[in-house]
C-alpha atoms as a PDB file:
ATOM      1  CA  MET A   1      41.943 -34.805 -62.661  1.00  0.00           C
ATOM      2  CA  ASP A   2      39.305 -33.276 -60.287  1.00  0.00           C
ATOM      3  CA  ARG A   3      38.812 -35.862 -57.093  1.00  0.00           C
ATOM      4  CA  TYR A   4      35.252 -36.249 -55.262  1.00  0.00           C
ATOM      5  CA  ALA A   5      34.390 -38.890 -52.714  1.00  0.00           C
ATOM      6  CA  VAL A   6      31.567 -39.802 -51.135  1.00  0.00           C
ATOM      7  CA  LEU A   7      32.258 -39.585 -46.592  1.00  0.00           C
ATOM      8  CA  GLY A   8      30.111 -41.613 -43.966  1.00  0.00           C
ATOM      9  CA  HIS A   9      30.930 -44.228 -41.470  1.00  0.00           C
ATOM     10  CA  PRO A  10      30.868 -46.928 -42.118  1.00  0.00           C
ATOM     11  CA  ILE A  11      31.356 -46.518 -46.315  1.00  0.00           C
ATOM     12  CA  LYS A  12      32.721 -49.345 -47.823  1.00  0.00           C
ATOM     13  CA  HIS A  13      29.742 -51.045 -48.986  1.00  0.00           C
ATOM     14  CA  SER A  14      28.710 -47.338 -50.610  1.00  0.00           C
ATOM     15  CA  LEU A  15      27.668 -47.857 -54.397  1.00  0.00           C
ATOM     16  CA  SER A  16      28.495 -44.421 -54.738  1.00  0.00           C
ATOM     17  CA  PRO A  17      31.805 -45.044 -56.706  1.00  0.00           C
ATOM     18  CA  VAL A  18      30.220 -47.115 -59.076  1.00  0.00           C
ATOM     19  CA  ILE A  19      27.321 -44.735 -59.640  1.00  0.00           C
ATOM     20  CA  HIS A  20      29.866 -41.618 -60.317  1.00  0.00           C
ATOM     21  CA  THR A  21      32.212 -43.382 -62.127  1.00  0.00           C
ATOM     22  CA  ALA A  22      29.649 -44.489 -64.716  1.00  0.00           C
ATOM     23  CA  PHE A  23      28.210 -40.972 -64.541  1.00  0.00           C
ATOM     24  CA  ALA A  24      31.393 -39.668 -65.412  1.00  0.00           C
ATOM     25  CA  ARG A  25      32.334 -42.235 -68.284  1.00  0.00           C
ATOM     26  CA  GLN A  26      28.856 -41.505 -69.731  1.00  0.00           C
ATOM     27  CA  THR A  27      29.538 -37.594 -69.845  1.00  0.00           C
ATOM     28  CA  GLY A  28      33.149 -37.755 -70.927  1.00  0.00           C
ATOM     29  CA  GLU A  29      33.957 -35.748 -67.450  1.00  0.00           C
ATOM     30  CA  ALA A  30      37.583 -36.372 -66.146  1.00  0.00           C
ATOM     31  CA  LEU A  31      37.085 -37.141 -62.057  1.00  0.00           C
ATOM     32  CA  GLU A  32      38.257 -39.418 -59.786  1.00  0.00           C
ATOM     33  CA  TYR A  33      35.273 -40.444 -57.606  1.00  0.00           C
ATOM     34  CA  GLU A  34      36.039 -42.835 -53.982  1.00  0.00           C
ATOM     35  CA  ALA A  35      34.521 -43.529 -50.986  1.00  0.00           C
ATOM     36  CA  ILE A  36      36.236 -42.580 -47.484  1.00  0.00           C
ATOM     37  CA  GLU A  37      35.375 -43.432 -43.649  1.00  0.00           C
ATOM     38  CA  LEU A  38      36.038 -40.963 -41.473  1.00  0.00           C
ATOM     39  CA  PRO A  39      36.191 -40.731 -38.002  1.00  0.00           C
ATOM     40  CA  VAL A  40      32.918 -39.897 -36.021  1.00  0.00           C
ATOM     41  CA  THR A  41      34.691 -37.167 -34.285  1.00  0.00           C
ATOM     42  CA  SER A  42      36.747 -35.182 -36.916  1.00  0.00           C
ATOM     43  CA  PHE A  43      34.090 -34.012 -39.866  1.00  0.00           C
ATOM     44  CA  GLU A  44      35.208 -30.657 -39.966  1.00  0.00           C
ATOM     45  CA  THR A  45      39.157 -30.794 -39.772  1.00  0.00           C
ATOM     46  CA  ARG A  46      39.316 -33.905 -42.050  1.00  0.00           C
ATOM     47  CA  VAL A  47      37.219 -32.344 -44.477  1.00  0.00           C
ATOM     48  CA  TRP A  48      39.221 -28.606 -44.554  1.00  0.00           C
ATOM     49  CA  GLN A  49      41.819 -30.299 -45.504  1.00  0.00           C
ATOM     50  CA  MET A  50      40.314 -32.242 -48.065  1.00  0.00           C
ATOM     51  CA  PHE A  51      39.522 -29.570 -49.573  1.00  0.00           C
ATOM     52  CA  ARG A  52      42.996 -28.002 -49.355  1.00  0.00           C
ATOM     53  CA  ASP A  53      44.501 -30.787 -50.404  1.00  0.00           C
ATOM     54  CA  GLY A  54      42.553 -30.572 -54.011  1.00  0.00           C
ATOM     55  CA  TYR A  55      38.921 -31.900 -53.787  1.00  0.00           C
ATOM     56  CA  ARG A  56      35.953 -30.590 -55.471  1.00  0.00           C
ATOM     57  CA  GLY A  57      33.207 -32.011 -53.746  1.00  0.00           C
ATOM     58  CA  PHE A  58      31.483 -34.331 -51.229  1.00  0.00           C
ATOM     59  CA  ASN A  59      28.423 -36.467 -51.134  1.00  0.00           C
ATOM     60  CA  ILE A  60      27.990 -36.978 -47.566  1.00  0.00           C
ATOM     61  CA  THR A  61      26.141 -39.934 -45.624  1.00  0.00           C
ATOM     62  CA  ALA A  62      25.308 -41.235 -42.259  1.00  0.00           C
ATOM     63  CA  PRO A  63      26.358 -40.126 -40.025  1.00  0.00           C
ATOM     64  CA  PHE A  64      27.857 -36.910 -40.844  1.00  0.00           C
ATOM     65  CA  LYS A  65      24.696 -34.671 -42.588  1.00  0.00           C
ATOM     66  CA  GLN A  66      24.107 -32.347 -40.044  1.00  0.00           C
ATOM     67  CA  ASP A  67      27.941 -31.862 -39.248  1.00  0.00           C
ATOM     68  CA  ALA A  68      28.244 -30.991 -42.978  1.00  0.00           C
ATOM     69  CA  HIS A  69      25.158 -28.488 -42.879  1.00  0.00           C
ATOM     70  CA  ASP A  70      27.425 -26.964 -40.211  1.00  0.00           C
ATOM     71  CA  PHE A  71      30.428 -26.509 -41.764  1.00  0.00           C
ATOM     72  CA  ALA A  72      29.322 -25.441 -45.287  1.00  0.00           C
ATOM     73  CA  ASP A  73      29.772 -21.596 -45.705  1.00  0.00           C
ATOM     74  CA  ASP A  74      26.507 -20.940 -47.924  1.00  0.00           C
ATOM     75  CA  LEU A  75      23.389 -23.249 -48.179  1.00  0.00           C
ATOM     76  CA  THR A  76      20.294 -23.360 -50.532  1.00  0.00           C
ATOM     77  CA  GLU A  77      17.233 -23.345 -49.020  1.00  0.00           C
ATOM     78  CA  ARG A  78      16.264 -26.722 -49.335  1.00  0.00           C
ATOM     79  CA  ALA A  79      18.993 -27.525 -47.274  1.00  0.00           C
ATOM     80  CA  LYS A  80      18.209 -25.067 -44.433  1.00  0.00           C
ATOM     81  CA  ARG A  81      15.515 -26.006 -44.147  1.00  0.00           C
ATOM     82  CA  ALA A  82      15.854 -29.568 -44.213  1.00  0.00           C
ATOM     83  CA  ARG A  83      19.173 -28.319 -41.370  1.00  0.00           C
ATOM     84  CA  ALA A  84      20.966 -31.033 -43.602  1.00  0.00           C
ATOM     85  CA  VAL A  85      23.181 -31.342 -46.347  1.00  0.00           C
ATOM     86  CA  ASN A  86      24.289 -34.753 -48.652  1.00  0.00           C
ATOM     87  CA  THR A  87      26.583 -32.537 -51.117  1.00  0.00           C
ATOM     88  CA  LEU A  88      29.114 -30.102 -50.771  1.00  0.00           C
ATOM     89  CA  VAL A  89      30.367 -28.023 -53.667  1.00  0.00           C
ATOM     90  CA  LYS A  90      33.620 -25.644 -53.630  1.00  0.00           C
ATOM     91  CA  GLN A  91      32.729 -22.385 -55.869  1.00  0.00           C
ATOM     92  CA  ALA A  92      34.735 -20.664 -57.869  1.00  0.00           C
ATOM     93  CA  ASP A  93      35.451 -18.136 -55.263  1.00  0.00           C
ATOM     94  CA  GLY A  94      36.097 -21.063 -52.692  1.00  0.00           C
ATOM     95  CA  ARG A  95      33.176 -20.943 -49.977  1.00  0.00           C
ATOM     96  CA  ILE A  96      31.766 -23.994 -49.604  1.00  0.00           C
ATOM     97  CA  LEU A  97      27.874 -24.518 -50.489  1.00  0.00           C
ATOM     98  CA  GLY A  98      25.925 -26.675 -49.248  1.00  0.00           C
ATOM     99  CA  ASP A  99      22.911 -28.534 -50.858  1.00  0.00           C
ATOM    100  CA  THR A 100      20.449 -31.493 -50.095  1.00  0.00           C
ATOM    101  CA  THR A 101      19.593 -33.554 -53.000  1.00  0.00           C
ATOM    102  CA  ASP A 102      17.725 -36.767 -51.431  1.00  0.00           C
ATOM    103  CA  GLY A 103      14.431 -35.106 -52.014  1.00  0.00           C
ATOM    104  CA  GLU A 104      15.098 -34.524 -55.380  1.00  0.00           C
ATOM    105  CA  GLY A 105      16.392 -37.921 -55.653  1.00  0.00           C
ATOM    106  CA  LEU A 106      12.982 -39.622 -53.979  1.00  0.00           C
ATOM    107  CA  VAL A 107      10.779 -37.425 -56.424  1.00  0.00           C
ATOM    108  CA  PHE A 108      12.066 -38.586 -59.234  1.00  0.00           C
ATOM    109  CA  ASP A 109      12.196 -42.093 -58.777  1.00  0.00           C
ATOM    110  CA  LEU A 110       8.782 -42.010 -57.421  1.00  0.00           C
ATOM    111  CA  GLU A 111       7.307 -39.630 -60.584  1.00  0.00           C
ATOM    112  CA  THR A 112       9.536 -40.496 -63.157  1.00  0.00           C
ATOM    113  CA  LEU A 113      10.558 -44.024 -62.709  1.00  0.00           C
ATOM    114  CA  LEU A 114       7.886 -45.516 -60.769  1.00  0.00           C
ATOM    115  CA  ASN A 115       4.999 -43.276 -62.289  1.00  0.00           C
ATOM    116  CA  TRP A 116       3.511 -42.655 -58.782  1.00  0.00           C
ATOM    117  CA  ARG A 117       1.585 -39.732 -58.435  1.00  0.00           C
ATOM    118  CA  ILE A 118       2.613 -37.319 -55.173  1.00  0.00           C
ATOM    119  CA  ALA A 119       0.147 -34.518 -56.188  1.00  0.00           C
ATOM    120  CA  ASP A 120      -3.136 -35.185 -54.139  1.00  0.00           C
ATOM    121  CA  ARG A 121      -2.180 -38.382 -52.284  1.00  0.00           C
ATOM    122  CA  ASN A 122      -2.953 -39.292 -48.580  1.00  0.00           C
ATOM    123  CA  VAL A 123       0.879 -39.711 -47.563  1.00  0.00           C
ATOM    124  CA  LEU A 124       2.532 -41.512 -45.130  1.00  0.00           C
ATOM    125  CA  ILE A 125       6.172 -41.016 -44.207  1.00  0.00           C
ATOM    126  CA  LEU A 126       7.929 -42.838 -41.575  1.00  0.00           C
ATOM    127  CA  GLY A 127      10.863 -41.735 -39.232  1.00  0.00           C
ATOM    128  CA  ALA A 128      11.805 -38.257 -37.782  1.00  0.00           C
ATOM    129  CA  GLY A 129      15.619 -38.725 -38.345  1.00  0.00           C
ATOM    130  CA  GLY A 130      18.060 -36.911 -41.168  1.00  0.00           C
ATOM    131  CA  ALA A 131      17.185 -39.203 -43.777  1.00  0.00           C
ATOM    132  CA  VAL A 132      13.275 -38.103 -43.685  1.00  0.00           C
ATOM    133  CA  ARG A 133      13.890 -34.564 -42.815  1.00  0.00           C
ATOM    134  CA  GLY A 134      15.828 -34.467 -45.859  1.00  0.00           C
ATOM    135  CA  VAL A 135      13.046 -35.570 -48.266  1.00  0.00           C
ATOM    136  CA  LEU A 136      10.098 -33.548 -46.782  1.00  0.00           C
ATOM    137  CA  GLU A 137      10.723 -29.898 -48.647  1.00  0.00           C
ATOM    138  CA  THR A 138      10.522 -31.900 -51.892  1.00  0.00           C
ATOM    139  CA  LEU A 139       7.995 -34.409 -50.946  1.00  0.00           C
ATOM    140  CA  LEU A 140       5.761 -31.074 -49.537  1.00  0.00           C
ATOM    141  CA  SER A 141       6.323 -29.074 -52.879  1.00  0.00           C
ATOM    142  CA  ARG A 142       4.396 -31.980 -54.849  1.00  0.00           C
ATOM    143  CA  ASN A 143       1.716 -31.142 -53.178  1.00  0.00           C
ATOM    144  CA  PRO A 144      -0.122 -34.137 -51.301  1.00  0.00           C
ATOM    145  CA  ALA A 145      -3.399 -33.972 -49.814  1.00  0.00           C
ATOM    146  CA  ASN A 146      -2.286 -35.064 -46.641  1.00  0.00           C
ATOM    147  CA  LEU A 147       1.205 -35.935 -44.930  1.00  0.00           C
ATOM    148  CA  VAL A 148       1.327 -37.813 -41.696  1.00  0.00           C
ATOM    149  CA  LEU A 149       4.907 -38.161 -40.800  1.00  0.00           C
ATOM    150  CA  ALA A 150       4.646 -41.317 -37.724  1.00  0.00           C
ATOM    151  CA  ASN A 151       7.429 -41.817 -35.216  1.00  0.00           C
ATOM    152  CA  ARG A 152       8.153 -44.461 -32.712  1.00  0.00           C
ATOM    153  CA  THR A 153       8.269 -41.596 -30.073  1.00  0.00           C
ATOM    154  CA  LEU A 154       5.620 -38.647 -30.715  1.00  0.00           C
ATOM    155  CA  ALA A 155       7.897 -35.931 -29.108  1.00  0.00           C
ATOM    156  CA  LYS A 156      10.410 -36.712 -32.132  1.00  0.00           C
ATOM    157  CA  ALA A 157       8.138 -36.401 -34.888  1.00  0.00           C
ATOM    158  CA  GLU A 158       6.751 -33.151 -33.166  1.00  0.00           C
ATOM    159  CA  GLU A 159       9.848 -31.606 -33.404  1.00  0.00           C
ATOM    160  CA  LEU A 160       9.803 -31.761 -37.346  1.00  0.00           C
ATOM    161  CA  THR A 161       6.489 -29.526 -36.930  1.00  0.00           C
ATOM    162  CA  ASP A 162       8.564 -26.155 -36.299  1.00  0.00           C
ATOM    163  CA  ASP A 163      10.508 -26.398 -39.614  1.00  0.00           C
ATOM    164  CA  PHE A 164       7.596 -28.311 -41.905  1.00  0.00           C
ATOM    165  CA  PRO A 165       4.285 -27.065 -40.186  1.00  0.00           C
ATOM    166  CA  GLU A 166       2.487 -28.704 -43.363  1.00  0.00           C
ATOM    167  CA  ILE A 167       2.934 -32.036 -41.777  1.00  0.00           C
ATOM    168  CA  SER A 168       0.556 -34.202 -39.361  1.00  0.00           C
ATOM    169  CA  PRO A 169       2.947 -35.799 -36.742  1.00  0.00           C
ATOM    170  CA  SER A 170       1.530 -39.157 -35.416  1.00  0.00           C
ATOM    171  CA  ALA A 171       3.213 -41.710 -32.918  1.00  0.00           C
ATOM    172  CA  PHE A 172       3.316 -45.599 -35.015  1.00  0.00           C
ATOM    173  CA  ASP A 173       0.721 -46.864 -32.297  1.00  0.00           C
ATOM    174  CA  GLU A 174      -1.337 -43.992 -32.867  1.00  0.00           C
ATOM    175  CA  LEU A 175      -1.803 -44.772 -36.886  1.00  0.00           C
ATOM    176  CA  SER A 176      -5.123 -45.411 -38.315  1.00  0.00           C
ATOM    177  CA  GLY A 177      -6.944 -45.251 -41.838  1.00  0.00           C
ATOM    178  CA  ARG A 178      -5.466 -46.295 -44.977  1.00  0.00           C
ATOM    179  CA  PHE A 179      -3.110 -44.538 -47.252  1.00  0.00           C
ATOM    180  CA  ASP A 180      -2.151 -44.053 -51.005  1.00  0.00           C
ATOM    181  CA  LEU A 181       1.997 -43.838 -50.191  1.00  0.00           C
ATOM    182  CA  VAL A 182       3.541 -44.843 -48.143  1.00  0.00           C
ATOM    183  CA  ILE A 183       7.596 -44.501 -47.232  1.00  0.00           C
ATOM    184  CA  ASN A 184       9.881 -46.196 -44.727  1.00  0.00           C
ATOM    185  CA  GLY A 185      12.445 -43.623 -43.592  1.00  0.00           C
ATOM    186  CA  THR A 186      13.308 -45.366 -40.648  1.00  0.00           C
ATOM    187  CA  SER A 187      16.704 -47.347 -39.870  1.00  0.00           C
ATOM    188  CA  ALA A 188      14.981 -50.441 -38.768  1.00  0.00           C
ATOM    189  CA  GLY A 189      15.228 -51.916 -41.778  1.00  0.00           C
ATOM    190  CA  LEU A 190      19.101 -51.930 -42.432  1.00  0.00           C
ATOM    191  CA  SER A 191      19.022 -54.530 -39.893  1.00  0.00           C
ATOM    192  CA  GLY A 192      16.304 -56.336 -40.928  1.00  0.00           C
ATOM    193  CA  ASN A 193      13.752 -55.516 -38.370  1.00  0.00           C
ATOM    194  CA  LEU A 194      10.365 -53.457 -39.166  1.00  0.00           C
ATOM    195  CA  PRO A 195       8.868 -50.423 -37.289  1.00  0.00           C
ATOM    196  CA  PRO A 196       5.798 -51.306 -34.892  1.00  0.00           C
ATOM    197  CA  LEU A 197       3.219 -50.679 -37.239  1.00  0.00           C
ATOM    198  CA  PRO A 198      -0.223 -51.483 -36.978  1.00  0.00           C
ATOM    199  CA  ASP A 199      -1.897 -53.622 -39.318  1.00  0.00           C
ATOM    200  CA  GLY A 200      -4.824 -52.069 -41.772  1.00  0.00           C
ATOM    201  CA  LEU A 201      -3.082 -49.392 -43.128  1.00  0.00           C
ATOM    202  CA  PHE A 202      -2.503 -50.778 -46.988  1.00  0.00           C
ATOM    203  CA  THR A 203      -4.810 -51.535 -49.568  1.00  0.00           C
ATOM    204  CA  PRO A 204      -4.374 -53.287 -52.674  1.00  0.00           C
ATOM    205  CA  ASP A 205      -4.028 -49.221 -54.467  1.00  0.00           C
ATOM    206  CA  THR A 206      -1.489 -48.315 -51.641  1.00  0.00           C
ATOM    207  CA  HIS A 207       2.290 -47.908 -53.054  1.00  0.00           C
ATOM    208  CA  CYS A 208       5.154 -48.929 -50.602  1.00  0.00           C
ATOM    209  CA  TYR A 209       8.600 -47.377 -51.025  1.00  0.00           C
ATOM    210  CA  ASP A 210      11.528 -48.455 -48.966  1.00  0.00           C
ATOM    211  CA  MET A 211      14.487 -45.622 -48.696  1.00  0.00           C
ATOM    212  CA  ILE A 212      16.888 -48.252 -48.312  1.00  0.00           C
ATOM    213  CA  TYR A 213      17.751 -50.890 -51.033  1.00  0.00           C
ATOM    214  CA  SER A 214      18.725 -54.509 -50.987  1.00  0.00           C
ATOM    215  CA  LYS A 215      19.409 -57.459 -53.241  1.00  0.00           C
ATOM    216  CA  ASN A 216      16.630 -59.195 -52.215  1.00  0.00           C
ATOM    217  CA  GLU A 217      13.546 -57.661 -51.576  1.00  0.00           C
ATOM    218  CA  THR A 218      13.607 -55.431 -47.888  1.00  0.00           C
ATOM    219  CA  ALA A 219      11.879 -56.708 -45.008  1.00  0.00           C
ATOM    220  CA  PHE A 220       9.300 -53.533 -44.976  1.00  0.00           C
ATOM    221  CA  ASN A 221       8.525 -54.293 -48.446  1.00  0.00           C
ATOM    222  CA  ARG A 222       7.832 -58.032 -47.614  1.00  0.00           C
ATOM    223  CA  TRP A 223       5.611 -57.211 -44.696  1.00  0.00           C
ATOM    224  CA  ALA A 224       3.607 -54.440 -46.484  1.00  0.00           C
ATOM    225  CA  ARG A 225       3.233 -56.958 -49.713  1.00  0.00           C
ATOM    226  CA  GLU A 226       1.754 -59.350 -46.843  1.00  0.00           C
ATOM    227  CA  GLN A 227      -0.443 -56.411 -45.460  1.00  0.00           C
ATOM    228  CA  GLY A 228      -1.899 -55.882 -48.848  1.00  0.00           C
ATOM    229  CA  ALA A 229      -0.381 -53.523 -50.409  1.00  0.00           C
ATOM    230  CA  GLY A 230      -0.628 -53.313 -54.336  1.00  0.00           C
ATOM    231  CA  GLN A 231       2.865 -52.206 -55.578  1.00  0.00           C
ATOM    232  CA  CYS A 232       6.451 -51.756 -53.791  1.00  0.00           C
ATOM    233  CA  ALA A 233       9.908 -50.526 -54.358  1.00  0.00           C
ATOM    234  CA  ASP A 234      13.292 -50.133 -53.006  1.00  0.00           C
ATOM    235  CA  GLY A 235      15.171 -46.762 -52.692  1.00  0.00           C
ATOM    236  CA  LEU A 236      18.037 -47.881 -55.442  1.00  0.00           C
ATOM    237  CA  GLY A 237      16.427 -45.111 -57.790  1.00  0.00           C
ATOM    238  CA  MET A 238      16.723 -42.616 -55.023  1.00  0.00           C
ATOM    239  CA  LEU A 239      19.793 -43.432 -54.807  1.00  0.00           C
ATOM    240  CA  VAL A 240      20.731 -43.356 -58.347  1.00  0.00           C
ATOM    241  CA  GLY A 241      18.844 -40.052 -58.637  1.00  0.00           C
ATOM    242  CA  GLN A 242      20.068 -38.084 -55.597  1.00  0.00           C
ATOM    243  CA  ALA A 243      23.838 -38.770 -56.827  1.00  0.00           C
ATOM    244  CA  ALA A 244      22.870 -37.234 -60.648  1.00  0.00           C
ATOM    245  CA  VAL A 245      21.865 -34.259 -59.023  1.00  0.00           C
ATOM    246  CA  SER A 246      24.852 -34.134 -56.960  1.00  0.00           C
ATOM    247  CA  PHE A 247      26.927 -34.379 -60.110  1.00  0.00           C
ATOM    248  CA  GLU A 248      25.056 -31.840 -61.898  1.00  0.00           C
ATOM    249  CA  LEU A 249      25.822 -29.404 -59.413  1.00  0.00           C
ATOM    250  CA  TRP A 250      29.853 -30.145 -59.514  1.00  0.00           C
ATOM    251  CA  ARG A 251      29.884 -30.165 -63.432  1.00  0.00           C
ATOM    252  CA  GLY A 252      27.117 -28.508 -64.705  1.00  0.00           C
ATOM    253  CA  VAL A 253      25.934 -31.597 -66.593  1.00  0.00           C
ATOM    254  CA  ARG A 254      22.810 -33.871 -65.566  1.00  0.00           C
ATOM    255  CA  PRO A 255      23.425 -37.832 -66.807  1.00  0.00           C
ATOM    256  CA  ASP A 256      21.384 -40.003 -67.222  1.00  0.00           C
ATOM    257  CA  THR A 257      19.954 -42.180 -64.795  1.00  0.00           C
ATOM    258  CA  VAL A 258      18.404 -45.435 -66.174  1.00  0.00           C
ATOM    259  CA  PRO A 259      21.129 -46.937 -67.852  1.00  0.00           C
ATOM    260  CA  VAL A 260      23.208 -46.713 -64.281  1.00  0.00           C
ATOM    261  CA  LEU A 261      20.073 -47.526 -62.526  1.00  0.00           C
ATOM    262  CA  GLU A 262      20.029 -50.893 -64.834  1.00  0.00           C
ATOM    263  CA  GLN A 263      23.880 -51.435 -64.399  1.00  0.00           C
ATOM    264  CA  LEU A 264      23.567 -51.376 -60.319  1.00  0.00           C
ATOM    265  CA  ARG A 265      19.921 -53.977 -60.411  1.00  0.00           C
ATOM    266  CA  ALA A 266      21.778 -56.198 -63.241  1.00  0.00           C
ATOM    267  CA  GLU A 267      25.130 -56.210 -60.647  1.00  0.00           C
ATOM    268  CA  LEU A 268      23.018 -56.774 -57.677  1.00  0.00           C
ATOM    269  CA  ALA A 269      21.369 -59.484 -59.259  1.00  0.00           C
END
């Protein structure tokens, strides 16, 4: 039976084993999937050993996405541009392919599951870390009218224009105007905090998306609603969507995300 795992630090609360086990049951694929916490300083050594021990692929989460990018023998174009990898695949020739499926998972949730438009919309994305870098390529491919990327420090937002010249960088406190779609990619919500945004960015037509997920409404989405945003969603659909793309890379079959997403919502509730 083929073996796969998600690697991170910390990792014990990951839903990936539940998701991929459900995908395997649904598609009839024979595999085992587990969550493995790695020390922050031993990524390359440990991953090489696990591939030698027979693992066929890995999902990668914080803080190892750039380590995985540097580790891979081959990279997809979107992984090259993102400079981050969330999926490693052992290919038939033994070489390791690195890909990033986060953007495809995000866009699938936005466009297909939520039925929110990206094309021709004014989009604001918050944060300039690895989570945001991994989704920019796919978001930009949907042709938003404008994509503003805001971060606490303007310099870090401006750094991303080297790889993504289409974006408009901004500091949080310099934001103004109204946006159709706002995506929170900061890590502040993991501790229940908010990025320091000015008031007045949202209208009843604004859709807000938090890339983290929670049993209860996230702090960002609660604040966005109080600011007047019309619709809010968290990142559970993105998590399941990106996992489905990884599963297809490994097994050659795309699972149905909807029943797995419904299962997770019920379990979280």
